């Protein structure tokens, strides 16, 4: 996977090599001269002006989102690579690149099934109980959409469902018996033309069936375990971004335990990623 080199100023692709920029940790970085605007530039591979190497940064992100706290991550870097990185720096990397890659992968094409499973759960943020909503396509195990809110009500449920179907509108979405879902479904999916719903709403009522909406709740268990390892989320502005990172980790980085494949692969997303998937995703998001 190669990152096409473009001028940072005019986006032209006509250039010549013009020496190097020397850095303390990243070594020599090739400089270029644009033949169109005559500016000098270095290629932005997603790590422009970053002091640490892409390998250290992406390894830190991967390990943090795989259940290692930022402080434990710092200790591992010192112990094995003799790299002194503060836990705050690791968290800054996670926020920066989770948002960058999230904005990129949201615009990819996906081949999804017709049965989605949606639910909401409580997420601890500094002792407050915020709400995290997620929807999964059962055929591929891909998380199709997420939403972060401070409350559960029909308006928030409607915003969540809009995000859940951005990648595809399924035949049905199954939820639990939350009282806010029917109104949200009616507003979004009821059609006067056909006198019915364009997306069927299936309800898994635990009080009646004694069966949980387990197909989505297994995802929540993994996410909440990781948030607990972080000792909860901190700032309101960054809490959704950290969860975006966990979604990317689920969809693009880690093979699903039951299907033994990464969900994006089953969804027909072929990005030709190497073993360092975070590195390649960041480079793709920087083109």
C-alpha atoms as a PDB file:
ATOM      1  CA  UNK A   1       0.000   0.000   0.000  1.00  0.00           C
ATOM      2  CA  UNK A   2       1.568   3.292  -1.124  1.00  0.00           C
ATOM      3  CA  UNK A   3       0.668   6.811  -0.179  1.00  0.00           C
ATOM      4  CA  UNK A   4       0.635   9.093  -3.239  1.00  0.00           C
ATOM      5  CA  UNK A   5       2.905  12.081  -2.745  1.00  0.00           C
ATOM      6  CA  UNK A   6       1.262  15.478  -3.224  1.00  0.00           C
ATOM      7  CA  UNK A   7       2.358  19.049  -2.628  1.00  0.00           C
ATOM      8  CA  UNK A   8       0.983  20.245   0.726  1.00  0.00           C
ATOM      9  CA  UNK A   9       0.241  23.668  -0.742  1.00  0.00           C
ATOM     10  CA  UNK A  10      -1.294  23.130  -4.186  1.00  0.00           C
ATOM     11  CA  UNK A  11      -1.896  19.325  -4.203  1.00  0.00           C
ATOM     12  CA  UNK A  12       0.139  18.939  -7.389  1.00  0.00           C
ATOM     13  CA  UNK A  13       1.928  15.648  -8.041  1.00  0.00           C
ATOM     14  CA  UNK A  14       4.784  17.123 -10.129  1.00  0.00           C
ATOM     15  CA  UNK A  15       7.904  17.494  -7.974  1.00  0.00           C
ATOM     16  CA  UNK A  16      11.596  16.768  -7.644  1.00  0.00           C
ATOM     17  CA  UNK A  17      13.556  15.475  -4.654  1.00  0.00           C
ATOM     18  CA  UNK A  18      15.402  18.223  -2.829  1.00  0.00           C
ATOM     19  CA  UNK A  19      17.497  17.016   0.109  1.00  0.00           C
ATOM     20  CA  UNK A  20      16.353  15.798   3.520  1.00  0.00           C
ATOM     21  CA  UNK A  21      14.883  17.068   6.769  1.00  0.00           C
ATOM     22  CA  UNK A  22      16.758  15.561   9.713  1.00  0.00           C
ATOM     23  CA  UNK A  23      14.837  14.547  12.820  1.00  0.00           C
ATOM     24  CA  UNK A  24      15.947  13.155  16.160  1.00  0.00           C
ATOM     25  CA  UNK A  25      13.791   9.992  16.243  1.00  0.00           C
ATOM     26  CA  UNK A  26      12.494   9.574  12.698  1.00  0.00           C
ATOM     27  CA  UNK A  27      15.863   9.997  10.986  1.00  0.00           C
ATOM     28  CA  UNK A  28      16.132  11.625   7.564  1.00  0.00           C
ATOM     29  CA  UNK A  29      12.860  12.543   5.853  1.00  0.00           C
ATOM     30  CA  UNK A  30      12.860  13.206   2.119  1.00  0.00           C
ATOM     31  CA  UNK A  31      12.140  16.801   1.071  1.00  0.00           C
ATOM     32  CA  UNK A  32      10.564  17.741  -2.266  1.00  0.00           C
ATOM     33  CA  UNK A  33      10.225  20.846  -4.409  1.00  0.00           C
ATOM     34  CA  UNK A  34       6.891  21.350  -6.148  1.00  0.00           C
ATOM     35  CA  UNK A  35       7.323  22.150  -9.845  1.00  0.00           C
ATOM     36  CA  UNK A  36       3.993  23.953  -9.942  1.00  0.00           C
ATOM     37  CA  UNK A  37       4.113  26.368  -6.972  1.00  0.00           C
ATOM     38  CA  UNK A  38       7.854  26.092  -6.133  1.00  0.00           C
ATOM     39  CA  UNK A  39       7.189  25.354  -2.455  1.00  0.00           C
ATOM     40  CA  UNK A  40       9.357  22.905  -0.541  1.00  0.00           C
ATOM     41  CA  UNK A  41       7.509  20.183   1.347  1.00  0.00           C
ATOM     42  CA  UNK A  42       7.755  16.753   2.953  1.00  0.00           C
ATOM     43  CA  UNK A  43       5.216  14.031   2.302  1.00  0.00           C
ATOM     44  CA  UNK A  44       2.366  13.920   4.803  1.00  0.00           C
ATOM     45  CA  UNK A  45       2.026  10.212   5.498  1.00  0.00           C
ATOM     46  CA  UNK A  46      -0.214  10.910   8.486  1.00  0.00           C
ATOM     47  CA  UNK A  47       2.686  11.553  10.848  1.00  0.00           C
ATOM     48  CA  UNK A  48       3.744  15.018   9.699  1.00  0.00           C
ATOM     49  CA  UNK A  49       5.648  16.865  12.450  1.00  0.00           C
ATOM     50  CA  UNK A  50       5.203  13.971  14.882  1.00  0.00           C
ATOM     51  CA  UNK A  51       8.248  13.517  17.120  1.00  0.00           C
ATOM     52  CA  UNK A  52       7.947   9.746  17.526  1.00  0.00           C
ATOM     53  CA  UNK A  53       8.159   7.088  14.841  1.00  0.00           C
ATOM     54  CA  UNK A  54       5.008   5.734  13.161  1.00  0.00           C
ATOM     55  CA  UNK A  55       5.860   2.310  14.581  1.00  0.00           C
ATOM     56  CA  UNK A  56       5.862   3.543  18.192  1.00  0.00           C
ATOM     57  CA  UNK A  57       2.698   5.589  17.675  1.00  0.00           C
ATOM     58  CA  UNK A  58       0.667   2.844  16.007  1.00  0.00           C
ATOM     59  CA  UNK A  59       1.883   0.170  18.411  1.00  0.00           C
ATOM     60  CA  UNK A  60       0.791   2.378  21.306  1.00  0.00           C
ATOM     61  CA  UNK A  61      -2.655   2.954  19.796  1.00  0.00           C
ATOM     62  CA  UNK A  62      -3.141  -0.752  19.077  1.00  0.00           C
ATOM     63  CA  UNK A  63      -2.098  -1.867  22.555  1.00  0.00           C
ATOM     64  CA  UNK A  64      -4.121   0.845  24.295  1.00  0.00           C
ATOM     65  CA  UNK A  65      -7.297  -0.124  22.429  1.00  0.00           C
ATOM     66  CA  UNK A  66      -6.525  -3.797  23.074  1.00  0.00           C
ATOM     67  CA  UNK A  67      -6.967  -3.339  26.824  1.00  0.00           C
ATOM     68  CA  UNK A  68      -3.687  -1.822  27.971  1.00  0.00           C
ATOM     69  CA  UNK A  69      -4.066   1.442  29.894  1.00  0.00           C
ATOM     70  CA  UNK A  70      -2.000   4.464  28.838  1.00  0.00           C
ATOM     71  CA  UNK A  71       0.136   4.185  31.986  1.00  0.00           C
ATOM     72  CA  UNK A  72       0.799   0.476  31.384  1.00  0.00           C
ATOM     73  CA  UNK A  73       1.543   1.331  27.767  1.00  0.00           C
ATOM     74  CA  UNK A  74       4.118   3.890  28.922  1.00  0.00           C
ATOM     75  CA  UNK A  75       5.800   1.285  31.129  1.00  0.00           C
ATOM     76  CA  UNK A  76       5.934  -1.253  28.281  1.00  0.00           C
ATOM     77  CA  UNK A  77       7.585   1.275  25.957  1.00  0.00           C
ATOM     78  CA  UNK A  78      10.245   2.075  28.550  1.00  0.00           C
ATOM     79  CA  UNK A  79      10.864  -1.568  29.446  1.00  0.00           C
ATOM     80  CA  UNK A  80      11.110  -3.033  25.950  1.00  0.00           C
ATOM     81  CA  UNK A  81      11.975  -0.170  23.597  1.00  0.00           C
ATOM     82  CA  UNK A  82      13.614   2.352  25.941  1.00  0.00           C
ATOM     83  CA  UNK A  83      11.118   4.968  24.742  1.00  0.00           C
ATOM     84  CA  UNK A  84       9.903   7.481  27.303  1.00  0.00           C
ATOM     85  CA  UNK A  85       6.371   8.496  26.367  1.00  0.00           C
ATOM     86  CA  UNK A  86       3.933   9.995  28.857  1.00  0.00           C
ATOM     87  CA  UNK A  87       0.537   8.365  29.348  1.00  0.00           C
ATOM     88  CA  UNK A  88      -1.043  11.654  28.236  1.00  0.00           C
ATOM     89  CA  UNK A  89       0.870  11.523  24.956  1.00  0.00           C
ATOM     90  CA  UNK A  90      -0.430   7.998  24.307  1.00  0.00           C
ATOM     91  CA  UNK A  91      -3.978   9.181  24.957  1.00  0.00           C
ATOM     92  CA  UNK A  92      -3.451  12.150  22.607  1.00  0.00           C
ATOM     93  CA  UNK A  93      -2.317   9.760  19.862  1.00  0.00           C
ATOM     94  CA  UNK A  94      -5.399   7.583  20.377  1.00  0.00           C
ATOM     95  CA  UNK A  95      -7.711  10.600  20.128  1.00  0.00           C
ATOM     96  CA  UNK A  96      -5.948  12.154  17.119  1.00  0.00           C
ATOM     97  CA  UNK A  97      -5.777   9.049  14.973  1.00  0.00           C
ATOM     98  CA  UNK A  98      -9.063   7.444  16.036  1.00  0.00           C
ATOM     99  CA  UNK A  99     -10.897  10.532  14.768  1.00  0.00           C
ATOM    100  CA  UNK A 100      -8.808  10.718  11.604  1.00  0.00           C
ATOM    101  CA  UNK A 101      -9.368   7.062  10.673  1.00  0.00           C
ATOM    102  CA  UNK A 102     -13.055   7.201  11.713  1.00  0.00           C
ATOM    103  CA  UNK A 103     -13.703  10.013   9.220  1.00  0.00           C
ATOM    104  CA  UNK A 104     -12.010   7.945   6.507  1.00  0.00           C
ATOM    105  CA  UNK A 105     -13.692   4.568   7.077  1.00  0.00           C
ATOM    106  CA  UNK A 106     -17.157   6.113   7.344  1.00  0.00           C
ATOM    107  CA  UNK A 107     -16.979   6.922   3.624  1.00  0.00           C
ATOM    108  CA  UNK A 108     -15.993   3.440   2.423  1.00  0.00           C
ATOM    109  CA  UNK A 109     -18.382   1.099   0.624  1.00  0.00           C
ATOM    110  CA  UNK A 110     -19.657  -1.922   2.566  1.00  0.00           C
ATOM    111  CA  UNK A 111     -21.432  -5.106   1.486  1.00  0.00           C
ATOM    112  CA  UNK A 112     -23.698  -5.817   4.453  1.00  0.00           C
ATOM    113  CA  UNK A 113     -26.541  -8.187   5.246  1.00  0.00           C
ATOM    114  CA  UNK A 114     -30.200  -7.427   5.949  1.00  0.00           C
ATOM    115  CA  UNK A 115     -30.404  -8.167   9.685  1.00  0.00           C
ATOM    116  CA  UNK A 116     -29.116  -5.495  12.084  1.00  0.00           C
ATOM    117  CA  UNK A 117     -29.087  -5.680  15.883  1.00  0.00           C
ATOM    118  CA  UNK A 118     -29.110  -2.470  17.904  1.00  0.00           C
ATOM    119  CA  UNK A 119     -29.020  -1.536  21.557  1.00  0.00           C
ATOM    120  CA  UNK A 120     -27.804   1.060  24.039  1.00  0.00           C
ATOM    121  CA  UNK A 121     -25.769   0.697  27.204  1.00  0.00           C
ATOM    122  CA  UNK A 122     -24.413   2.766  30.084  1.00  0.00           C
ATOM    123  CA  UNK A 123     -20.827   4.055  29.912  1.00  0.00           C
ATOM    124  CA  UNK A 124     -18.998   5.433  32.931  1.00  0.00           C
ATOM    125  CA  UNK A 125     -17.550   8.921  32.409  1.00  0.00           C
ATOM    126  CA  UNK A 126     -16.064  10.439  35.550  1.00  0.00           C
ATOM    127  CA  UNK A 127     -18.766   8.790  37.634  1.00  0.00           C
ATOM    128  CA  UNK A 128     -21.564   9.917  35.297  1.00  0.00           C
ATOM    129  CA  UNK A 129     -23.647   7.357  33.431  1.00  0.00           C
ATOM    130  CA  UNK A 130     -23.662   8.357  29.773  1.00  0.00           C
ATOM    131  CA  UNK A 131     -25.287   6.345  26.991  1.00  0.00           C
ATOM    132  CA  UNK A 132     -23.528   4.523  24.171  1.00  0.00           C
ATOM    133  CA  UNK A 133     -25.603   3.184  21.256  1.00  0.00           C
ATOM    134  CA  UNK A 134     -24.344   0.655  18.690  1.00  0.00           C
ATOM    135  CA  UNK A 135     -25.710  -1.376  15.787  1.00  0.00           C
ATOM    136  CA  UNK A 136     -24.204  -4.600  14.366  1.00  0.00           C
ATOM    137  CA  UNK A 137     -24.756  -6.345  11.045  1.00  0.00           C
ATOM    138  CA  UNK A 138     -25.023  -9.998  12.039  1.00  0.00           C
ATOM    139  CA  UNK A 139     -23.783 -11.408   8.709  1.00  0.00           C
ATOM    140  CA  UNK A 140     -20.396  -9.683   8.953  1.00  0.00           C
ATOM    141  CA  UNK A 141     -20.286  -8.689  12.674  1.00  0.00           C
ATOM    142  CA  UNK A 142     -19.451  -5.175  11.465  1.00  0.00           C
ATOM    143  CA  UNK A 143     -20.556  -2.315  13.700  1.00  0.00           C
ATOM    144  CA  UNK A 144     -22.597  -0.213  11.266  1.00  0.00           C
ATOM    145  CA  UNK A 145     -23.063   2.869  13.423  1.00  0.00           C
ATOM    146  CA  UNK A 146     -22.642   4.291  16.916  1.00  0.00           C
ATOM    147  CA  UNK A 147     -24.007   7.230  18.874  1.00  0.00           C
ATOM    148  CA  UNK A 148     -23.025   8.855  22.187  1.00  0.00           C
ATOM    149  CA  UNK A 149     -25.545  10.742  24.317  1.00  0.00           C
ATOM    150  CA  UNK A 150     -26.305  11.867  27.844  1.00  0.00           C
ATOM    151  CA  UNK A 151     -29.845  10.478  27.845  1.00  0.00           C
ATOM    152  CA  UNK A 152     -32.123   7.872  26.266  1.00  0.00           C
ATOM    153  CA  UNK A 153     -35.219   9.292  24.561  1.00  0.00           C
ATOM    154  CA  UNK A 154     -36.920   9.114  21.132  1.00  0.00           C
ATOM    155  CA  UNK A 155     -34.830  11.971  19.720  1.00  0.00           C
ATOM    156  CA  UNK A 156     -31.532  10.337  20.669  1.00  0.00           C
ATOM    157  CA  UNK A 157     -32.815   6.976  19.400  1.00  0.00           C
ATOM    158  CA  UNK A 158     -33.692   8.608  16.086  1.00  0.00           C
ATOM    159  CA  UNK A 159     -30.219  10.149  15.759  1.00  0.00           C
ATOM    160  CA  UNK A 160     -28.712   6.761  16.498  1.00  0.00           C
ATOM    161  CA  UNK A 161     -30.823   4.942  13.904  1.00  0.00           C
ATOM    162  CA  UNK A 162     -29.847   7.490  11.249  1.00  0.00           C
ATOM    163  CA  UNK A 163     -26.188   6.627  11.857  1.00  0.00           C
ATOM    164  CA  UNK A 164     -26.912   2.888  12.005  1.00  0.00           C
ATOM    165  CA  UNK A 165     -28.224   2.794   8.411  1.00  0.00           C
ATOM    166  CA  UNK A 166     -25.734   5.132   6.727  1.00  0.00           C
ATOM    167  CA  UNK A 167     -23.790   2.184   5.302  1.00  0.00           C
ATOM    168  CA  UNK A 168     -26.947   0.269   4.293  1.00  0.00           C
ATOM    169  CA  UNK A 169     -30.664   0.183   5.013  1.00  0.00           C
ATOM    170  CA  UNK A 170     -31.452  -3.394   6.176  1.00  0.00           C
ATOM    171  CA  UNK A 171     -34.724  -5.312   6.015  1.00  0.00           C
ATOM    172  CA  UNK A 172     -35.048  -5.193   9.786  1.00  0.00           C
ATOM    173  CA  UNK A 173     -33.383  -3.905  12.945  1.00  0.00           C
ATOM    174  CA  UNK A 174     -33.862  -5.773  16.203  1.00  0.00           C
ATOM    175  CA  UNK A 175     -33.755  -3.863  19.501  1.00  0.00           C
ATOM    176  CA  UNK A 176     -34.782  -4.527  23.065  1.00  0.00           C
ATOM    177  CA  UNK A 177     -38.098  -3.247  24.421  1.00  0.00           C
ATOM    178  CA  UNK A 178     -36.864   0.291  25.105  1.00  0.00           C
ATOM    179  CA  UNK A 179     -39.907   2.594  25.092  1.00  0.00           C
ATOM    180  CA  UNK A 180     -38.086   5.205  22.964  1.00  0.00           C
ATOM    181  CA  UNK A 181     -37.519   2.937  19.936  1.00  0.00           C
ATOM    182  CA  UNK A 182     -41.067   2.632  18.500  1.00  0.00           C
ATOM    183  CA  UNK A 183     -41.503   6.404  18.194  1.00  0.00           C
ATOM    184  CA  UNK A 184     -38.071   6.766  16.598  1.00  0.00           C
ATOM    185  CA  UNK A 185     -38.824   3.967  14.106  1.00  0.00           C
ATOM    186  CA  UNK A 186     -42.151   5.546  13.215  1.00  0.00           C
ATOM    187  CA  UNK A 187     -40.568   8.926  12.501  1.00  0.00           C
ATOM    188  CA  UNK A 188     -37.742   7.505  10.420  1.00  0.00           C
ATOM    189  CA  UNK A 189     -39.158   4.508   8.633  1.00  0.00           C
ATOM    190  CA  UNK A 190     -42.953   4.778   8.369  1.00  0.00           C
ATOM    191  CA  UNK A 191     -44.102   5.412   4.795  1.00  0.00           C
ATOM    192  CA  UNK A 192     -47.571   6.758   4.004  1.00  0.00           C
ATOM    193  CA  UNK A 193     -47.100   5.522   0.450  1.00  0.00           C
ATOM    194  CA  UNK A 194     -46.917   1.849   1.429  1.00  0.00           C
ATOM    195  CA  UNK A 195     -48.780   2.298   4.747  1.00  0.00           C
ATOM    196  CA  UNK A 196     -46.011   0.514   6.546  1.00  0.00           C
ATOM    197  CA  UNK A 197     -42.355   0.569   7.554  1.00  0.00           C
ATOM    198  CA  UNK A 198     -39.465   0.596   5.077  1.00  0.00           C
ATOM    199  CA  UNK A 199     -37.341  -1.038   7.795  1.00  0.00           C
ATOM    200  CA  UNK A 200     -39.055  -3.583  10.037  1.00  0.00           C
ATOM    201  CA  UNK A 201     -38.675  -3.140  13.791  1.00  0.00           C
ATOM    202  CA  UNK A 202     -38.231  -6.434  15.636  1.00  0.00           C
ATOM    203  CA  UNK A 203     -38.375  -6.287  19.426  1.00  0.00           C
ATOM    204  CA  UNK A 204     -36.635  -8.746  21.748  1.00  0.00           C
ATOM    205  CA  UNK A 205     -38.590  -8.297  24.995  1.00  0.00           C
ATOM    206  CA  UNK A 206     -36.636  -9.952  27.788  1.00  0.00           C
ATOM    207  CA  UNK A 207     -39.558  -9.720  30.211  1.00  0.00           C
ATOM    208  CA  UNK A 208     -41.629 -11.918  27.896  1.00  0.00           C
ATOM    209  CA  UNK A 209     -39.048 -14.238  26.332  1.00  0.00           C
ATOM    210  CA  UNK A 210     -36.297 -14.271  29.020  1.00  0.00           C
ATOM    211  CA  UNK A 211     -33.867 -13.967  26.096  1.00  0.00           C
ATOM    212  CA  UNK A 212     -31.482 -11.032  25.840  1.00  0.00           C
ATOM    213  CA  UNK A 213     -30.638  -9.169  22.626  1.00  0.00           C
ATOM    214  CA  UNK A 214     -27.331 -11.043  22.911  1.00  0.00           C
ATOM    215  CA  UNK A 215     -26.062 -10.466  19.369  1.00  0.00           C
ATOM    216  CA  UNK A 216     -25.323  -6.838  20.209  1.00  0.00           C
ATOM    217  CA  UNK A 217     -24.783  -7.232  23.948  1.00  0.00           C
ATOM    218  CA  UNK A 218     -21.657  -9.339  23.339  1.00  0.00           C
ATOM    219  CA  UNK A 219     -20.152  -6.274  21.644  1.00  0.00           C
ATOM    220  CA  UNK A 220     -21.067  -4.103  24.616  1.00  0.00           C
ATOM    221  CA  UNK A 221     -19.410  -6.542  27.008  1.00  0.00           C
ATOM    222  CA  UNK A 222     -16.102  -6.168  25.151  1.00  0.00           C
ATOM    223  CA  UNK A 223     -16.378  -2.380  24.965  1.00  0.00           C
ATOM    224  CA  UNK A 224     -17.298  -1.990  28.627  1.00  0.00           C
ATOM    225  CA  UNK A 225     -14.431  -4.260  29.701  1.00  0.00           C
ATOM    226  CA  UNK A 226     -12.032  -1.964  27.882  1.00  0.00           C
ATOM    227  CA  UNK A 227     -13.586   1.208  29.294  1.00  0.00           C
ATOM    228  CA  UNK A 228     -13.310  -0.302  32.778  1.00  0.00           C
ATOM    229  CA  UNK A 229      -9.616  -0.947  32.111  1.00  0.00           C
ATOM    230  CA  UNK A 230      -9.309   2.757  31.294  1.00  0.00           C
ATOM    231  CA  UNK A 231     -10.983   3.400  34.695  1.00  0.00           C
ATOM    232  CA  UNK A 232     -13.828   5.024  32.821  1.00  0.00           C
ATOM    233  CA  UNK A 233     -13.808   7.756  30.212  1.00  0.00           C
ATOM    234  CA  UNK A 234     -12.800  11.268  31.195  1.00  0.00           C
ATOM    235  CA  UNK A 235     -13.765  14.325  29.143  1.00  0.00           C
ATOM    236  CA  UNK A 236     -17.135  14.586  27.399  1.00  0.00           C
ATOM    237  CA  UNK A 237     -15.562  15.957  24.200  1.00  0.00           C
ATOM    238  CA  UNK A 238     -13.191  12.984  23.840  1.00  0.00           C
ATOM    239  CA  UNK A 239     -15.359  10.123  25.123  1.00  0.00           C
ATOM    240  CA  UNK A 240     -17.020   9.493  21.723  1.00  0.00           C
ATOM    241  CA  UNK A 241     -13.611   9.631  20.004  1.00  0.00           C
ATOM    242  CA  UNK A 242     -12.186   6.904  22.261  1.00  0.00           C
ATOM    243  CA  UNK A 243     -15.218   4.773  21.420  1.00  0.00           C
ATOM    244  CA  UNK A 244     -14.633   5.456  17.707  1.00  0.00           C
ATOM    245  CA  UNK A 245     -11.190   3.939  18.251  1.00  0.00           C
ATOM    246  CA  UNK A 246     -12.720   0.835  19.810  1.00  0.00           C
ATOM    247  CA  UNK A 247     -15.106   0.525  16.853  1.00  0.00           C
ATOM    248  CA  UNK A 248     -12.164   0.722  14.420  1.00  0.00           C
ATOM    249  CA  UNK A 249     -10.337  -1.891  16.490  1.00  0.00           C
ATOM    250  CA  UNK A 250     -13.414  -4.153  16.218  1.00  0.00           C
ATOM    251  CA  UNK A 251     -14.173  -3.538  12.522  1.00  0.00           C
ATOM    252  CA  UNK A 252     -10.687  -3.283  10.986  1.00  0.00           C
ATOM    253  CA  UNK A 253      -7.973  -4.549  13.339  1.00  0.00           C
ATOM    254  CA  UNK A 254      -8.897  -7.655  15.333  1.00  0.00           C
ATOM    255  CA  UNK A 255     -10.311 -10.922  13.940  1.00  0.00           C
ATOM    256  CA  UNK A 256     -13.711 -11.713  15.424  1.00  0.00           C
ATOM    257  CA  UNK A 257     -13.480 -14.630  17.855  1.00  0.00           C
ATOM    258  CA  UNK A 258     -16.353 -16.609  16.318  1.00  0.00           C
ATOM    259  CA  UNK A 259     -15.834 -16.010  12.599  1.00  0.00           C
ATOM    260  CA  UNK A 260     -11.988 -15.856  12.754  1.00  0.00           C
ATOM    261  CA  UNK A 261     -11.928 -12.932  10.328  1.00  0.00           C
ATOM    262  CA  UNK A 262     -11.832  -9.176  10.621  1.00  0.00           C
ATOM    263  CA  UNK A 263     -15.417  -7.876  10.075  1.00  0.00           C
ATOM    264  CA  UNK A 264     -14.407  -5.402   7.353  1.00  0.00           C
ATOM    265  CA  UNK A 265     -13.123  -8.301   5.231  1.00  0.00           C
ATOM    266  CA  UNK A 266     -16.494 -10.059   5.382  1.00  0.00           C
ATOM    267  CA  UNK A 267     -18.111  -6.729   4.468  1.00  0.00           C
ATOM    268  CA  UNK A 268     -16.134  -6.653   1.220  1.00  0.00           C
ATOM    269  CA  UNK A 269     -13.749  -3.864   2.226  1.00  0.00           C
ATOM    270  CA  UNK A 270     -10.401  -4.778   0.652  1.00  0.00           C
ATOM    271  CA  UNK A 271      -7.798  -2.202   1.688  1.00  0.00           C
ATOM    272  CA  UNK A 272      -4.791  -4.522   1.311  1.00  0.00           C
ATOM    273  CA  UNK A 273      -3.694  -3.815   4.883  1.00  0.00           C
ATOM    274  CA  UNK A 274      -0.427  -5.159   6.266  1.00  0.00           C
ATOM    275  CA  UNK A 275       0.083  -6.642   9.732  1.00  0.00           C
ATOM    276  CA  UNK A 276       0.342  -3.098  11.097  1.00  0.00           C
ATOM    277  CA  UNK A 277      -3.239  -2.241  10.224  1.00  0.00           C
ATOM    278  CA  UNK A 278      -3.332   1.027  12.155  1.00  0.00           C
ATOM    279  CA  UNK A 279      -0.312   2.297  10.218  1.00  0.00           C
ATOM    280  CA  UNK A 280      -1.928   1.564   6.852  1.00  0.00           C
ATOM    281  CA  UNK A 281      -5.294   3.010   7.866  1.00  0.00           C
ATOM    282  CA  UNK A 282      -3.648   6.245   9.005  1.00  0.00           C
ATOM    283  CA  UNK A 283      -1.754   6.524   5.723  1.00  0.00           C
ATOM    284  CA  UNK A 284      -4.922   5.886   3.708  1.00  0.00           C
ATOM    285  CA  UNK A 285      -6.784   8.488   5.761  1.00  0.00           C
ATOM    286  CA  UNK A 286      -4.043  11.022   4.976  1.00  0.00           C
ATOM    287  CA  UNK A 287      -4.225  10.776   1.176  1.00  0.00           C
END
